[in-house]
C-alpha atoms as a PDB file:
ATOM      1  CA  MET A   1      25.351  56.915  46.674  1.00  0.00           C
ATOM      2  CA  LEU A   2      28.088  54.493  47.757  1.00  0.00           C
ATOM      3  CA  ASN A   3      31.501  54.757  46.196  1.00  0.00           C
ATOM      4  CA  ARG A   4      33.349  51.735  44.819  1.00  0.00           C
ATOM      5  CA  ALA A   5      36.090  51.724  47.478  1.00  0.00           C
ATOM      6  CA  PHE A   6      33.522  51.466  50.266  1.00  0.00           C
ATOM      7  CA  VAL A   7      31.690  48.612  48.520  1.00  0.00           C
ATOM      8  CA  ALA A   8      34.996  46.795  47.943  1.00  0.00           C
ATOM      9  CA  ARG A   9      35.867  47.119  51.658  1.00  0.00           C
ATOM     10  CA  ILE A  10      32.472  45.743  52.681  1.00  0.00           C
ATOM     11  CA  TYR A  11      32.870  42.865  50.227  1.00  0.00           C
ATOM     12  CA  CYS A  12      36.363  42.028  51.558  1.00  0.00           C
ATOM     13  CA  ALA A  13      35.141  42.183  55.150  1.00  0.00           C
ATOM     14  CA  CYS A  14      32.334  39.763  54.311  1.00  0.00           C
ATOM     15  CA  LEU A  15      34.786  37.367  52.638  1.00  0.00           C
ATOM     16  CA  ILE A  16      37.089  37.495  55.666  1.00  0.00           C
ATOM     17  CA  ALA A  17      34.190  36.869  58.058  1.00  0.00           C
ATOM     18  CA  VAL A  18      32.989  33.905  56.005  1.00  0.00           C
ATOM     19  CA  GLY A  19      36.564  32.556  55.897  1.00  0.00           C
ATOM     20  CA  LEU A  20      36.947  32.864  59.663  1.00  0.00           C
ATOM     21  CA  PHE A  21      33.742  30.975  60.302  1.00  0.00           C
ATOM     22  CA  ALA A  22      34.258  28.430  57.516  1.00  0.00           C
ATOM     23  CA  ALA A  23      37.854  27.483  58.442  1.00  0.00           C
ATOM     24  CA  PRO A  24      36.974  25.501  61.601  1.00  0.00           C
ATOM     25  CA  TRP A  25      34.148  23.822  59.706  1.00  0.00           C
ATOM     26  CA  ALA A  26      36.549  22.832  56.896  1.00  0.00           C
ATOM     27  CA  LEU A  27      39.032  21.409  59.420  1.00  0.00           C
ATOM     28  CA  ALA A  28      36.250  19.399  61.034  1.00  0.00           C
ATOM     29  CA  GLN A  29      35.216  18.108  57.608  1.00  0.00           C
ATOM     30  CA  GLU A  30      38.818  17.082  56.877  1.00  0.00           C
ATOM     31  CA  ALA A  31      39.023  15.217  60.181  1.00  0.00           C
ATOM     32  CA  ALA A  32      35.707  13.529  59.446  1.00  0.00           C
ATOM     33  CA  LYS A  33      36.977  12.551  55.996  1.00  0.00           C
ATOM     34  CA  ALA A  34      39.966  10.774  57.565  1.00  0.00           C
ATOM     35  CA  GLY A  35      37.664   9.224  60.147  1.00  0.00           C
ATOM     36  CA  PRO A  36      36.103   6.267  58.267  1.00  0.00           C
ATOM     37  CA  THR A  37      39.446   4.674  57.357  1.00  0.00           C
ATOM     38  CA  ALA A  38      41.007   5.716  60.646  1.00  0.00           C
ATOM     39  CA  VAL A  39      41.090   3.055  63.305  1.00  0.00           C
ATOM     40  CA  ALA A  40      42.302   3.599  66.817  1.00  0.00           C
ATOM     41  CA  PRO A  41      45.742   1.989  66.721  1.00  0.00           C
ATOM     42  CA  THR A  42      47.274   0.773  69.929  1.00  0.00           C
ATOM     43  CA  PRO A  43      50.384   2.510  71.284  1.00  0.00           C
ATOM     44  CA  ALA A  44      52.288  -0.750  70.814  1.00  0.00           C
ATOM     45  CA  LEU A  45      51.340  -0.877  67.112  1.00  0.00           C
ATOM     46  CA  ILE A  46      52.307   2.780  66.654  1.00  0.00           C
ATOM     47  CA  ARG A  47      55.662   2.126  68.347  1.00  0.00           C
ATOM     48  CA  GLN A  48      56.239  -0.925  66.137  1.00  0.00           C
ATOM     49  CA  GLY A  49      55.516   1.175  63.036  1.00  0.00           C
ATOM     50  CA  GLN A  50      57.836   3.930  64.254  1.00  0.00           C
ATOM     51  CA  ASP A  51      60.609   1.403  64.853  1.00  0.00           C
ATOM     52  CA  LEU A  52      60.122  -0.035  61.357  1.00  0.00           C
ATOM     53  CA  PHE A  53      60.077   3.467  59.836  1.00  0.00           C
ATOM     54  CA  LEU A  54      63.292   4.477  61.608  1.00  0.00           C
ATOM     55  CA  GLY A  55      65.078   1.170  61.074  1.00  0.00           C
ATOM     56  CA  VAL A  56      65.342   0.396  64.800  1.00  0.00           C
ATOM     57  CA  ARG A  57      63.508  -2.830  63.978  1.00  0.00           C
ATOM     58  CA  ARG A  58      64.305  -4.541  60.691  1.00  0.00           C
ATOM     59  CA  PHE A  59      61.685  -5.748  58.255  1.00  0.00           C
ATOM     60  CA  GLU A  60      61.318  -9.530  58.276  1.00  0.00           C
ATOM     61  CA  ALA A  61      62.473  -9.792  54.661  1.00  0.00           C
ATOM     62  CA  GLY A  62      65.343  -7.355  55.237  1.00  0.00           C
ATOM     63  CA  GLY A  63      64.120  -4.324  53.291  1.00  0.00           C
ATOM     64  CA  PRO A  64      65.571  -0.849  53.907  1.00  0.00           C
ATOM     65  CA  ALA A  65      64.134   1.459  56.566  1.00  0.00           C
ATOM     66  CA  CYS A  66      61.536   3.930  55.320  1.00  0.00           C
ATOM     67  CA  ASN A  67      63.483   6.778  56.940  1.00  0.00           C
ATOM     68  CA  SER A  68      66.364   6.292  54.507  1.00  0.00           C
ATOM     69  CA  CYS A  69      64.255   7.787  51.694  1.00  0.00           C
ATOM     70  CA  HIS A  70      61.214   9.390  53.367  1.00  0.00           C
ATOM     71  CA  ASN A  71      60.740  12.049  56.027  1.00  0.00           C
ATOM     72  CA  VAL A  72      57.936  12.875  58.450  1.00  0.00           C
ATOM     73  CA  VAL A  73      57.436  15.941  60.633  1.00  0.00           C
ATOM     74  CA  ASN A  74      57.404  14.333  64.050  1.00  0.00           C
ATOM     75  CA  ASP A  75      59.249  15.190  67.252  1.00  0.00           C
ATOM     76  CA  ALA A  76      60.094  11.503  67.761  1.00  0.00           C
ATOM     77  CA  VAL A  77      61.897  11.315  64.399  1.00  0.00           C
ATOM     78  CA  ILE A  78      65.203  13.152  64.079  1.00  0.00           C
ATOM     79  CA  GLY A  79      65.266  13.430  60.317  1.00  0.00           C
ATOM     80  CA  GLY A  80      64.776  11.426  57.197  1.00  0.00           C
ATOM     81  CA  GLY A  81      65.788  11.153  53.601  1.00  0.00           C
ATOM     82  CA  THR A  82      64.897  13.539  50.842  1.00  0.00           C
ATOM     83  CA  LEU A  83      64.928  11.057  47.956  1.00  0.00           C
ATOM     84  CA  ALA A  84      61.206  10.366  48.217  1.00  0.00           C
ATOM     85  CA  ALA A  85      58.110  12.278  49.328  1.00  0.00           C
ATOM     86  CA  ASP A  86      57.465  13.587  52.819  1.00  0.00           C
ATOM     87  CA  LEU A  87      54.914  11.217  54.384  1.00  0.00           C
ATOM     88  CA  THR A  88      53.480  13.563  57.025  1.00  0.00           C
ATOM     89  CA  GLU A  89      50.228  14.114  55.091  1.00  0.00           C
ATOM     90  CA  SER A  90      50.081  10.663  53.464  1.00  0.00           C
ATOM     91  CA  PHE A  91      47.451   9.240  55.804  1.00  0.00           C
ATOM     92  CA  GLY A  92      45.117  12.140  55.035  1.00  0.00           C
ATOM     93  CA  ARG A  93      45.442  11.521  51.301  1.00  0.00           C
ATOM     94  CA  PHE A  94      45.423   7.725  51.162  1.00  0.00           C
ATOM     95  CA  GLY A  95      44.039   6.403  54.458  1.00  0.00           C
ATOM     96  CA  ALA A  96      45.263   3.198  56.059  1.00  0.00           C
ATOM     97  CA  ASP A  97      44.185   0.994  53.150  1.00  0.00           C
ATOM     98  CA  GLY A  98      45.876   3.234  50.591  1.00  0.00           C
ATOM     99  CA  ILE A  99      49.139   3.242  52.515  1.00  0.00           C
ATOM    100  CA  VAL A 100      49.151  -0.552  52.752  1.00  0.00           C
ATOM    101  CA  GLU A 101      48.372  -0.772  49.003  1.00  0.00           C
ATOM    102  CA  THR A 102      51.447   1.308  48.081  1.00  0.00           C
ATOM    103  CA  LEU A 103      53.787  -0.989  50.027  1.00  0.00           C
ATOM    104  CA  PRO A 104      55.507  -3.872  48.221  1.00  0.00           C
ATOM    105  CA  ARG A 105      53.643  -6.967  49.424  1.00  0.00           C
ATOM    106  CA  LYS A 106      53.546 -10.561  48.330  1.00  0.00           C
ATOM    107  CA  GLY A 107      51.592 -10.648  45.085  1.00  0.00           C
ATOM    108  CA  SER A 108      51.746  -6.893  44.357  1.00  0.00           C
ATOM    109  CA  GLN A 109      54.485  -4.412  43.683  1.00  0.00           C
ATOM    110  CA  SER A 110      54.693  -0.822  44.804  1.00  0.00           C
ATOM    111  CA  PRO A 111      53.560   1.707  42.174  1.00  0.00           C
ATOM    112  CA  PHE A 112      56.802   3.629  42.716  1.00  0.00           C
ATOM    113  CA  PRO A 113      59.805   2.466  40.626  1.00  0.00           C
ATOM    114  CA  VAL A 114      62.435   3.336  43.251  1.00  0.00           C
ATOM    115  CA  MET A 115      60.554   1.313  45.891  1.00  0.00           C
ATOM    116  CA  GLN A 116      60.269  -1.585  43.439  1.00  0.00           C
ATOM    117  CA  VAL A 117      64.048  -1.682  43.102  1.00  0.00           C
ATOM    118  CA  ALA A 118      64.777  -1.119  46.810  1.00  0.00           C
ATOM    119  CA  PHE A 119      62.348  -3.846  47.935  1.00  0.00           C
ATOM    120  CA  GLN A 120      62.940  -6.328  45.121  1.00  0.00           C
ATOM    121  CA  GLY A 121      62.490  -9.758  46.698  1.00  0.00           C
ATOM    122  CA  ARG A 122      61.881  -8.181  50.130  1.00  0.00           C
ATOM    123  CA  ASP A 123      58.125  -8.081  50.588  1.00  0.00           C
ATOM    124  CA  ILE A 124      56.585  -6.305  53.565  1.00  0.00           C
ATOM    125  CA  THR A 125      54.276  -8.486  55.650  1.00  0.00           C
ATOM    126  CA  ALA A 126      50.661  -7.539  56.391  1.00  0.00           C
ATOM    127  CA  GLU A 127      51.495  -6.964  60.073  1.00  0.00           C
ATOM    128  CA  GLU A 128      54.361  -4.617  59.157  1.00  0.00           C
ATOM    129  CA  GLY A 129      52.100  -2.757  56.731  1.00  0.00           C
ATOM    130  CA  GLN A 130      49.450  -2.254  59.415  1.00  0.00           C
ATOM    131  CA  ALA A 131      52.102  -1.027  61.871  1.00  0.00           C
ATOM    132  CA  LEU A 132      53.432   1.492  59.335  1.00  0.00           C
ATOM    133  CA  ALA A 133      49.879   2.672  58.583  1.00  0.00           C
ATOM    134  CA  ALA A 134      49.234   3.103  62.325  1.00  0.00           C
ATOM    135  CA  PHE A 135      52.434   5.133  62.718  1.00  0.00           C
ATOM    136  CA  LEU A 136      51.585   7.353  59.735  1.00  0.00           C
ATOM    137  CA  GLN A 137      48.054   7.817  61.119  1.00  0.00           C
ATOM    138  CA  ASP A 138      49.574   8.976  64.414  1.00  0.00           C
ATOM    139  CA  VAL A 139      51.917  11.328  62.536  1.00  0.00           C
ATOM    140  CA  TYR A 140      48.954  12.743  60.586  1.00  0.00           C
ATOM    141  CA  VAL A 141      46.842  13.281  63.701  1.00  0.00           C
ATOM    142  CA  ARG A 142      49.688  15.006  65.567  1.00  0.00           C
ATOM    143  CA  ARG A 143      51.072  17.020  62.631  1.00  0.00           C
ATOM    144  CA  ALA A 144      49.745  20.394  63.821  1.00  0.00           C
ATOM    145  CA  SER A 145      51.536  20.198  67.171  1.00  0.00           C
ATOM    146  CA  GLN A 146      54.889  19.001  65.812  1.00  0.00           C
ATOM    147  CA  LYS A 147      57.800  21.222  64.872  1.00  0.00           C
ATOM    148  CA  PRO A 148      59.710  20.714  61.619  1.00  0.00           C
ATOM    149  CA  ASN A 149      63.146  19.262  62.177  1.00  0.00           C
ATOM    150  CA  ASP A 150      65.291  22.249  61.291  1.00  0.00           C
ATOM    151  CA  LEU A 151      68.780  21.538  62.532  1.00  0.00           C
ATOM    152  CA  GLY A 152      70.447  24.341  60.554  1.00  0.00           C
ATOM    153  CA  GLY A 153      71.029  26.704  63.495  1.00  0.00           C
ATOM    154  CA  ARG A 154      72.317  23.970  65.768  1.00  0.00           C
ATOM    155  CA  MET A 155      74.600  22.588  63.081  1.00  0.00           C
ATOM    156  CA  LEU A 156      76.021  26.061  62.415  1.00  0.00           C
ATOM    157  CA  PHE A 157      76.675  26.587  66.127  1.00  0.00           C
ATOM    158  CA  ALA A 158      78.310  23.153  66.427  1.00  0.00           C
ATOM    159  CA  GLY A 159      80.485  23.810  63.372  1.00  0.00           C
ATOM    160  CA  VAL A 160      81.667  27.232  64.563  1.00  0.00           C
ATOM    161  CA  THR A 161      82.371  25.832  68.044  1.00  0.00           C
ATOM    162  CA  GLY A 162      84.303  22.870  66.596  1.00  0.00           C
ATOM    163  CA  VAL A 163      86.435  25.039  64.323  1.00  0.00           C
ATOM    164  CA  SER A 164      87.178  27.439  67.198  1.00  0.00           C
ATOM    165  CA  PHE A 165      88.221  24.541  69.416  1.00  0.00           C
ATOM    166  CA  LEU A 166      90.509  23.110  66.724  1.00  0.00           C
ATOM    167  CA  LEU A 167      92.134  26.499  66.063  1.00  0.00           C
ATOM    168  CA  LEU A 168      92.796  26.950  69.783  1.00  0.00           C
ATOM    169  CA  LEU A 169      94.224  23.429  70.008  1.00  0.00           C
ATOM    170  CA  PHE A 170      96.535  24.010  67.017  1.00  0.00           C
ATOM    171  CA  TYR A 171      97.689  27.303  68.515  1.00  0.00           C
ATOM    172  CA  LEU A 172      98.502  25.671  71.864  1.00  0.00           C
ATOM    173  CA  ILE A 173     100.377  22.786  70.237  1.00  0.00           C
ATOM    174  CA  GLY A 174     102.313  24.926  67.774  1.00  0.00           C
ATOM    175  CA  ARG A 175     103.161  27.989  69.820  1.00  0.00           C
ATOM    176  CA  ARG A 176     106.610  26.691  70.898  1.00  0.00           C
ATOM    177  CA  ARG A 177     107.710  25.294  67.588  1.00  0.00           C
ATOM    178  CA  LYS A 178     110.366  26.808  65.308  1.00  0.00           C
ATOM    179  CA  ARG A 179     110.819  30.370  66.345  1.00  0.00           C
ATOM    180  CA  ARG A 180     114.155  30.720  64.585  1.00  0.00           C
ATOM    181  CA  SER A 181     115.227  30.209  61.035  1.00  0.00           C
ATOM    182  CA  VAL A 182     116.505  26.738  60.138  1.00  0.00           C
ATOM    183  CA  ASN A 183     119.543  28.155  58.286  1.00  0.00           C
END
């Protein structure tokens, strides 16, 4: 007769085996789900969307850059704001049409109150919306190979180095000053 511990181990091993074989299938299904709304954007359109996102290129109506409030995990983007949601996974959730629908365009407002205020009277054109959707599609496709932008270690090193340099400079400037009492 089998004891309960042995049966539990067999059950767990079966679950792990099913999970190992089902994980690649689930990833393929997720990629296929993004496929129908995914179009092959041109590198020029992706670059235009990246420039609009970062603020390198201004919106025609003068709206703020997306990067001032949003962030994406992408090696080409240094860092973004934390006021609004991270947009790395947005293409997988909404698709290109959903992304364009959330942007403030002529005749429709964004469903997000902060975007309504930030883009009041500054509608995004259809071409700019398509460029942003292409950039976010590229971010979504490349998300697994990108590293999060964690600048904490580098900033700590830069801060310690800067303080050390300033202390050495102050020491060198002040070492010959007032060695005797002023009285």
